[in-house]
């Protein structure tokens, strides 16, 4: 079971990145999700999979930044990739780690 502190730490990290990326978050949830790590809607709602609380901050940052950038770029094309690289450097390593851990 995840502690309330982990959840608060995670939400603080989301708020940190949202401010850094100038994204206005209307609603932020951390809950059980079956098939994905996160989701966002155009009206500023963000949901993150509670399983992320088991991972370290590098993975948190990868998923958080990944999702927040979708407020600017709705796909995973060249622009999105360049924004990910600008914010996180070699983000593909974190992506691969997350994929490996979720198997």
N, C-alpha and C. Protein backbone atom coordinates (compact mmCIF):
# COMPACT_ATOMS: atom_id res chain seq x y z
N UNK A 1 0.84 -1.19 0.00
CA UNK A 1 0.00 0.00 0.00
C UNK A 1 0.88 1.25 0.00
N UNK A 2 0.50 2.21 -0.82
CA UNK A 2 1.25 3.45 -0.93
C UNK A 2 0.87 4.39 0.21
N UNK A 3 1.84 5.12 0.70
CA UNK A 3 1.56 6.06 1.79
C UNK A 3 1.01 7.36 1.23
N UNK A 4 0.32 8.08 2.10
CA UNK A 4 -0.21 9.40 1.73
C UNK A 4 0.94 10.34 1.38
N UNK A 5 2.08 10.15 2.07
CA UNK A 5 3.24 11.00 1.77
C UNK A 5 3.75 10.80 0.36
N UNK A 6 3.80 9.55 -0.10
CA UNK A 6 4.25 9.27 -1.47
C UNK A 6 3.33 9.98 -2.46
N UNK A 7 2.04 9.89 -2.22
CA UNK A 7 1.06 10.52 -3.11
C UNK A 7 1.25 12.03 -3.12
N UNK A 8 1.45 12.62 -1.95
CA UNK A 8 1.66 14.07 -1.86
C UNK A 8 2.96 14.47 -2.54
N UNK A 9 4.01 13.66 -2.35
CA UNK A 9 5.29 13.94 -3.01
C UNK A 9 5.13 13.89 -4.52
N UNK A 10 4.40 12.90 -4.99
CA UNK A 10 4.18 12.77 -6.43
C UNK A 10 3.40 13.98 -6.96
N UNK A 11 2.34 14.35 -6.27
CA UNK A 11 1.53 15.50 -6.70
C UNK A 11 2.36 16.79 -6.68
N UNK A 12 3.23 16.91 -5.69
CA UNK A 12 4.11 18.09 -5.64
C UNK A 12 5.03 18.12 -6.85
N UNK A 13 5.49 16.94 -7.24
CA UNK A 13 6.37 16.86 -8.42
C UNK A 13 5.59 17.24 -9.68
N UNK A 14 4.34 16.81 -9.78
CA UNK A 14 3.51 17.20 -10.93
C UNK A 14 3.35 18.72 -10.95
N UNK A 15 3.07 19.30 -9.80
CA UNK A 15 2.89 20.76 -9.73
C UNK A 15 4.18 21.50 -10.09
N UNK A 16 5.31 20.95 -9.64
CA UNK A 16 6.61 21.54 -9.99
C UNK A 16 6.77 21.59 -11.52
N UNK A 17 6.55 20.46 -12.18
CA UNK A 17 6.73 20.40 -13.63
C UNK A 17 5.67 21.23 -14.35
N UNK A 18 4.45 21.25 -13.84
CA UNK A 18 3.39 22.04 -14.48
C UNK A 18 3.78 23.53 -14.47
N UNK A 19 4.31 23.98 -13.33
CA UNK A 19 4.75 25.38 -13.24
C UNK A 19 5.93 25.62 -14.17
N UNK A 20 6.88 24.71 -14.18
CA UNK A 20 8.06 24.80 -15.03
C UNK A 20 7.69 24.87 -16.51
N UNK A 21 6.68 24.10 -16.89
CA UNK A 21 6.26 24.03 -18.30
C UNK A 21 5.11 25.00 -18.62
N UNK A 22 4.68 25.74 -17.60
CA UNK A 22 3.59 26.71 -17.75
C UNK A 22 2.30 26.05 -18.24
N UNK A 23 1.96 24.95 -17.58
CA UNK A 23 0.71 24.24 -17.85
C UNK A 23 -0.22 24.47 -16.67
N UNK A 24 -1.42 24.88 -16.96
CA UNK A 24 -2.40 25.06 -15.90
C UNK A 24 -3.16 23.76 -15.67
N UNK A 25 -3.00 23.20 -14.49
CA UNK A 25 -3.66 21.95 -14.14
C UNK A 25 -4.94 22.29 -13.39
N UNK A 26 -6.08 21.91 -13.96
CA UNK A 26 -7.37 22.17 -13.32
C UNK A 26 -7.70 21.12 -12.27
N UNK A 27 -7.26 19.89 -12.54
CA UNK A 27 -7.57 18.77 -11.64
C UNK A 27 -6.46 17.74 -11.75
N UNK A 28 -6.07 17.18 -10.60
CA UNK A 28 -4.97 16.22 -10.56
C UNK A 28 -5.37 15.03 -9.73
N UNK A 29 -5.34 13.85 -10.34
CA UNK A 29 -5.71 12.62 -9.63
C UNK A 29 -4.64 11.56 -9.75
N UNK A 30 -4.53 10.74 -8.72
CA UNK A 30 -3.65 9.57 -8.72
C UNK A 30 -4.53 8.40 -8.34
N UNK A 31 -4.71 7.48 -9.28
CA UNK A 31 -5.65 6.39 -9.04
C UNK A 31 -5.20 5.14 -9.80
N UNK A 32 -5.83 4.06 -9.51
CA UNK A 32 -5.55 2.81 -10.21
C UNK A 32 -6.02 2.94 -11.66
N UNK A 33 -5.14 2.58 -12.59
CA UNK A 33 -5.46 2.61 -14.02
C UNK A 33 -4.98 1.30 -14.61
N UNK A 34 -5.80 0.68 -15.43
CA UNK A 34 -5.45 -0.63 -15.98
C UNK A 34 -4.41 -0.63 -17.08
N UNK A 35 -4.60 0.23 -18.05
CA UNK A 35 -3.83 0.10 -19.29
C UNK A 35 -2.85 1.21 -19.60
N UNK A 36 -2.73 2.20 -18.73
CA UNK A 36 -1.80 3.28 -19.05
C UNK A 36 -1.25 3.91 -17.79
N UNK A 37 -0.18 4.67 -17.97
CA UNK A 37 0.48 5.32 -16.84
C UNK A 37 -0.15 6.65 -16.50
N UNK A 38 -0.76 7.29 -17.51
CA UNK A 38 -1.34 8.61 -17.27
C UNK A 38 -2.29 8.97 -18.39
N UNK A 39 -3.11 9.98 -18.13
CA UNK A 39 -3.97 10.52 -19.17
C UNK A 39 -4.22 12.00 -18.86
N UNK A 40 -4.52 12.74 -19.91
CA UNK A 40 -4.85 14.15 -19.73
C UNK A 40 -5.98 14.52 -20.67
N UNK A 41 -6.66 15.60 -20.32
CA UNK A 41 -7.73 16.09 -21.19
C UNK A 41 -7.44 17.55 -21.51
N UNK A 42 -8.06 18.04 -22.55
CA UNK A 42 -7.80 19.41 -23.00
C UNK A 42 -8.27 20.45 -21.99
N UNK A 43 -9.13 20.06 -21.06
CA UNK A 43 -9.59 21.02 -20.05
C UNK A 43 -8.72 21.04 -18.79
N UNK A 44 -7.53 20.45 -18.87
CA UNK A 44 -6.57 20.55 -17.76
C UNK A 44 -6.67 19.47 -16.71
N UNK A 45 -7.38 18.39 -17.01
CA UNK A 45 -7.48 17.27 -16.06
C UNK A 45 -6.36 16.28 -16.31
N UNK A 46 -5.69 15.90 -15.23
CA UNK A 46 -4.60 14.93 -15.30
C UNK A 46 -4.89 13.77 -14.37
N UNK A 47 -4.67 12.58 -14.84
CA UNK A 47 -4.76 11.37 -14.02
C UNK A 47 -3.46 10.60 -14.18
N UNK A 48 -2.95 10.10 -13.05
CA UNK A 48 -1.75 9.28 -13.07
C UNK A 48 -2.03 7.96 -12.38
N UNK A 49 -1.42 6.91 -12.89
CA UNK A 49 -1.57 5.58 -12.34
C UNK A 49 -0.90 5.51 -10.97
N UNK A 50 -1.60 5.03 -9.98
CA UNK A 50 -1.06 4.95 -8.63
C UNK A 50 0.15 4.01 -8.54
N UNK A 51 0.32 3.11 -9.50
CA UNK A 51 1.49 2.23 -9.51
C UNK A 51 2.79 3.02 -9.65
N UNK A 52 2.71 4.23 -10.20
CA UNK A 52 3.90 5.07 -10.35
C UNK A 52 4.53 5.40 -9.00
N UNK A 53 3.73 5.37 -7.95
CA UNK A 53 4.25 5.69 -6.62
C UNK A 53 5.32 4.70 -6.17
N UNK A 54 5.37 3.53 -6.80
CA UNK A 54 6.39 2.52 -6.48
C UNK A 54 7.74 2.80 -7.13
N UNK A 55 7.78 3.76 -8.04
CA UNK A 55 8.99 4.01 -8.83
C UNK A 55 9.75 5.23 -8.31
N UNK A 56 10.96 5.43 -8.84
CA UNK A 56 11.77 6.56 -8.39
C UNK A 56 11.43 7.84 -9.16
N UNK A 57 12.04 8.93 -8.71
CA UNK A 57 11.70 10.24 -9.26
C UNK A 57 12.03 10.38 -10.74
N UNK A 58 13.06 9.70 -11.23
CA UNK A 58 13.38 9.76 -12.66
C UNK A 58 12.20 9.27 -13.50
N UNK A 59 11.58 8.19 -13.06
CA UNK A 59 10.43 7.64 -13.77
C UNK A 59 9.24 8.59 -13.62
N UNK A 60 9.05 9.10 -12.41
CA UNK A 60 7.98 10.09 -12.20
C UNK A 60 8.13 11.23 -13.20
N UNK A 61 9.36 11.79 -13.27
CA UNK A 61 9.59 12.93 -14.15
C UNK A 61 9.29 12.57 -15.60
N UNK A 62 9.73 11.40 -16.01
CA UNK A 62 9.47 10.98 -17.39
C UNK A 62 7.96 10.97 -17.68
N UNK A 63 7.18 10.32 -16.83
CA UNK A 63 5.73 10.20 -17.07
C UNK A 63 5.05 11.56 -16.94
N UNK A 64 5.45 12.34 -15.97
CA UNK A 64 4.83 13.66 -15.75
C UNK A 64 5.10 14.58 -16.94
N UNK A 65 6.36 14.70 -17.32
CA UNK A 65 6.71 15.59 -18.44
C UNK A 65 6.07 15.09 -19.73
N UNK A 66 6.11 13.78 -19.94
CA UNK A 66 5.47 13.17 -21.11
C UNK A 66 4.02 13.63 -21.21
N UNK A 67 3.30 13.53 -20.11
CA UNK A 67 1.88 13.87 -20.13
C UNK A 67 1.65 15.37 -20.27
N UNK A 68 2.40 16.16 -19.53
CA UNK A 68 2.22 17.62 -19.59
C UNK A 68 2.51 18.17 -20.98
N UNK A 69 3.48 17.59 -21.67
CA UNK A 69 3.80 18.08 -23.02
C UNK A 69 2.66 17.84 -24.00
N UNK A 70 1.78 16.90 -23.68
CA UNK A 70 0.62 16.67 -24.56
C UNK A 70 -0.36 17.84 -24.54
N UNK A 71 -0.23 18.74 -23.57
CA UNK A 71 -1.05 19.95 -23.60
C UNK A 71 -0.63 20.87 -24.74
N UNK A 72 0.63 20.71 -25.22
CA UNK A 72 1.15 21.51 -26.33
C UNK A 72 1.18 20.73 -27.64
N UNK A 73 1.49 19.44 -27.53
CA UNK A 73 1.65 18.59 -28.71
C UNK A 73 0.86 17.30 -28.46
N UNK A 74 -0.21 17.06 -29.23
CA UNK A 74 -1.09 15.92 -28.93
C UNK A 74 -0.55 14.55 -29.35
N UNK A 75 0.60 14.53 -30.03
CA UNK A 75 1.13 13.24 -30.51
C UNK A 75 2.55 13.03 -30.01
N UNK A 76 3.22 12.01 -30.52
CA UNK A 76 4.61 11.71 -30.14
C UNK A 76 5.55 11.95 -31.32
N UNK A 77 5.26 12.98 -32.08
CA UNK A 77 6.07 13.30 -33.26
C UNK A 77 7.38 14.00 -32.94
N UNK A 78 8.01 14.56 -33.97
CA UNK A 78 9.33 15.18 -33.82
C UNK A 78 9.34 16.32 -32.81
N UNK A 79 8.32 17.16 -32.84
CA UNK A 79 8.27 18.29 -31.91
C UNK A 79 8.18 17.79 -30.47
N UNK A 80 7.29 16.83 -30.22
CA UNK A 80 7.15 16.28 -28.87
C UNK A 80 8.48 15.68 -28.40
N UNK A 81 9.12 14.91 -29.28
CA UNK A 81 10.40 14.28 -28.93
C UNK A 81 11.46 15.32 -28.62
N UNK A 82 11.50 16.40 -29.39
CA UNK A 82 12.52 17.43 -29.13
C UNK A 82 12.23 18.16 -27.82
N UNK A 83 10.96 18.36 -27.49
CA UNK A 83 10.61 18.97 -26.21
C UNK A 83 10.96 18.05 -25.04
N UNK A 84 10.72 16.76 -25.20
CA UNK A 84 11.10 15.79 -24.16
C UNK A 84 12.62 15.83 -23.95
N UNK A 85 13.37 15.83 -25.04
CA UNK A 85 14.83 15.83 -24.94
C UNK A 85 15.32 17.13 -24.29
N UNK A 86 14.66 18.25 -24.62
CA UNK A 86 15.06 19.53 -24.05
C UNK A 86 14.84 19.56 -22.54
N UNK A 87 13.81 18.90 -22.07
CA UNK A 87 13.48 18.90 -20.63
C UNK A 87 14.18 17.79 -19.85
N UNK A 88 14.34 16.62 -20.46
CA UNK A 88 14.83 15.46 -19.71
C UNK A 88 16.10 14.84 -20.26
N UNK A 89 16.64 15.38 -21.32
CA UNK A 89 17.85 14.78 -21.91
C UNK A 89 17.50 13.47 -22.59
N UNK A 90 18.23 12.43 -22.26
CA UNK A 90 18.05 11.12 -22.89
C UNK A 90 16.83 10.40 -22.28
N UNK A 91 15.66 10.92 -22.58
CA UNK A 91 14.42 10.39 -22.00
C UNK A 91 14.14 8.95 -22.43
N UNK A 92 14.71 8.53 -23.56
CA UNK A 92 14.45 7.17 -24.04
C UNK A 92 14.94 6.11 -23.04
N UNK A 93 15.98 6.43 -22.29
CA UNK A 93 16.47 5.49 -21.27
C UNK A 93 15.41 5.28 -20.19
N UNK A 94 14.77 6.37 -19.77
CA UNK A 94 13.72 6.26 -18.75
C UNK A 94 12.50 5.53 -19.32
N UNK A 95 12.20 5.81 -20.57
CA UNK A 95 11.09 5.14 -21.25
C UNK A 95 11.33 3.63 -21.28
N UNK A 96 12.55 3.24 -21.62
CA UNK A 96 12.91 1.82 -21.68
C UNK A 96 12.85 1.18 -20.29
N UNK A 97 13.33 1.90 -19.27
CA UNK A 97 13.27 1.38 -17.90
C UNK A 97 11.82 1.15 -17.47
N UNK A 98 10.97 2.10 -17.77
CA UNK A 98 9.56 1.99 -17.40
C UNK A 98 8.91 0.79 -18.11
N UNK A 99 9.21 0.64 -19.38
CA UNK A 99 8.68 -0.48 -20.15
C UNK A 99 9.13 -1.81 -19.55
N UNK A 100 10.40 -1.87 -19.16
CA UNK A 100 10.97 -3.09 -18.57
C UNK A 100 10.32 -3.40 -17.22
N UNK A 101 10.08 -2.39 -16.40
CA UNK A 101 9.51 -2.59 -15.08
C UNK A 101 8.04 -2.97 -15.13
N UNK A 102 7.38 -2.62 -16.20
CA UNK A 102 5.94 -2.87 -16.26
C UNK A 102 5.60 -4.20 -16.92
N UNK A 103 6.59 -5.00 -17.23
CA UNK A 103 6.33 -6.29 -17.87
C UNK A 103 5.97 -7.34 -16.85
